[in-house]
Amino acid sequence: MGARILPGSADEARRKIDPGLLSEKVVAAIGKPSLAVHTSGSSTHDIWTYYYADGTMTVNLTDGAIVLIGLDFHPPVIPTSRRR
C-alpha cells in the first residue's frame, strides 16, 4: 500500500504554513502528511511529505517546528512497499 494523495493542491497547502510554525498547527492547517519519517537524538527531526495531484510538498521539522518547506510541481511519485 502506498501513501495517499490528498485533496486540494500543493500551492494552496503551501500558502497555509510558514517556517517556524509548530507541528500541531501544521496538522491543524493542512492535515496529516501522506508519509512521515522521524528521527530523534539530542534533537528531533521529521520529514513530512504531502502528496497532491499537482505536486509534492516536503516539510522538514526540527524539534517540532518547520525549518524548511520544499515544493515540486510535478505529478507525485509515491513509494510503495513490496514483499517478495
Protein backbone atom coordinates (compact mmCIF):
# COMPACT_ATOMS: atom_id res chain seq x y z
CA MET A 1 0.00 0.00 0.00
CA GLY A 2 1.35 3.43 -0.93
CA ALA A 3 0.87 6.82 0.63
CA ARG A 4 -2.33 8.68 -0.18
CA ILE A 5 -2.85 11.65 -2.45
CA LEU A 6 -4.52 14.45 -0.51
CA PRO A 7 -7.36 16.69 -1.70
CA GLY A 8 -6.51 20.22 -2.81
CA SER A 9 -3.27 21.46 -4.29
CA ALA A 10 0.33 21.81 -3.16
CA ASP A 11 0.18 25.56 -3.80
CA GLU A 12 -2.93 26.00 -1.61
CA ALA A 13 -1.35 23.99 1.21
CA ARG A 14 1.94 25.93 0.99
CA ARG A 15 0.12 29.23 1.48
CA LYS A 16 -1.24 27.97 4.83
CA ILE A 17 2.11 27.25 6.51
CA ASP A 18 5.42 29.05 7.12
CA PRO A 19 8.81 28.28 8.70
CA GLY A 20 8.65 28.41 12.49
CA LEU A 21 5.11 27.00 12.66
CA LEU A 22 4.79 24.19 15.22
CA SER A 23 3.80 20.67 14.13
CA GLU A 24 0.40 20.78 15.85
CA LYS A 25 -0.51 23.93 13.93
CA VAL A 26 0.72 22.40 10.67
CA VAL A 27 -1.63 19.44 11.15
CA ALA A 28 -4.47 21.80 12.05
CA ALA A 29 -3.83 23.90 8.92
CA ILE A 30 -3.26 21.22 6.26
CA GLY A 31 -3.86 17.83 7.89
CA LYS A 32 -1.67 14.80 8.49
CA PRO A 33 1.07 14.06 5.96
CA SER A 34 0.86 11.34 3.34
CA LEU A 35 4.20 9.99 4.55
CA ALA A 36 6.26 10.79 7.67
CA VAL A 37 9.79 9.94 8.83
CA HIS A 38 11.03 10.68 12.37
CA THR A 39 14.46 10.52 13.99
CA SER A 40 15.50 11.51 17.48
CA GLY A 41 18.71 12.12 19.37
CA SER A 42 19.79 15.34 21.04
CA SER A 43 17.00 16.91 18.95
CA THR A 44 14.15 15.51 16.87
CA HIS A 45 13.90 15.68 13.10
CA ASP A 46 10.87 14.95 10.98
CA ILE A 47 10.27 14.92 7.26
CA TRP A 48 6.61 15.13 6.33
CA THR A 49 5.63 14.55 2.73
CA TYR A 50 2.30 15.72 1.38
CA TYR A 51 1.21 14.32 -2.00
CA TYR A 52 -1.27 16.28 -4.10
CA ALA A 53 -2.41 15.60 -7.67
CA ASP A 54 -0.44 18.65 -8.88
CA GLY A 55 2.74 18.16 -6.85
CA THR A 56 4.56 17.19 -3.68
CA MET A 57 5.31 19.33 -0.65
CA THR A 58 8.05 18.28 1.79
CA VAL A 59 8.11 19.82 5.26
CA ASN A 60 11.26 19.46 7.39
CA LEU A 61 10.81 19.98 11.11
CA THR A 62 13.37 20.21 13.90
CA ASP A 63 12.17 19.92 17.48
CA GLY A 64 8.58 20.22 16.27
CA ALA A 65 8.94 23.44 14.26
CA ILE A 66 9.16 23.89 10.49
CA VAL A 67 12.66 24.77 9.29
CA LEU A 68 12.28 24.12 5.55
CA ILE A 69 9.45 23.69 3.04
CA GLY A 70 10.05 22.24 -0.42
CA LEU A 71 7.70 22.10 -3.41
CA ASP A 72 7.83 20.02 -6.57
CA PHE A 73 5.11 20.83 -9.10
CA HIS A 74 5.11 17.51 -10.94
CA PRO A 75 2.72 14.60 -10.54
CA PRO A 76 3.88 12.74 -7.42
CA VAL A 77 5.92 9.57 -7.47
CA ILE A 78 4.62 7.64 -4.49
CA PRO A 79 6.87 4.99 -2.93
CA THR A 80 5.38 1.56 -2.34
CA SER A 81 6.47 -1.39 -0.29
CA ARG A 82 6.52 -4.77 -2.00
CA ARG A 83 7.26 -8.03 -0.26
CA ARG A 84 8.81 -10.91 -2.13
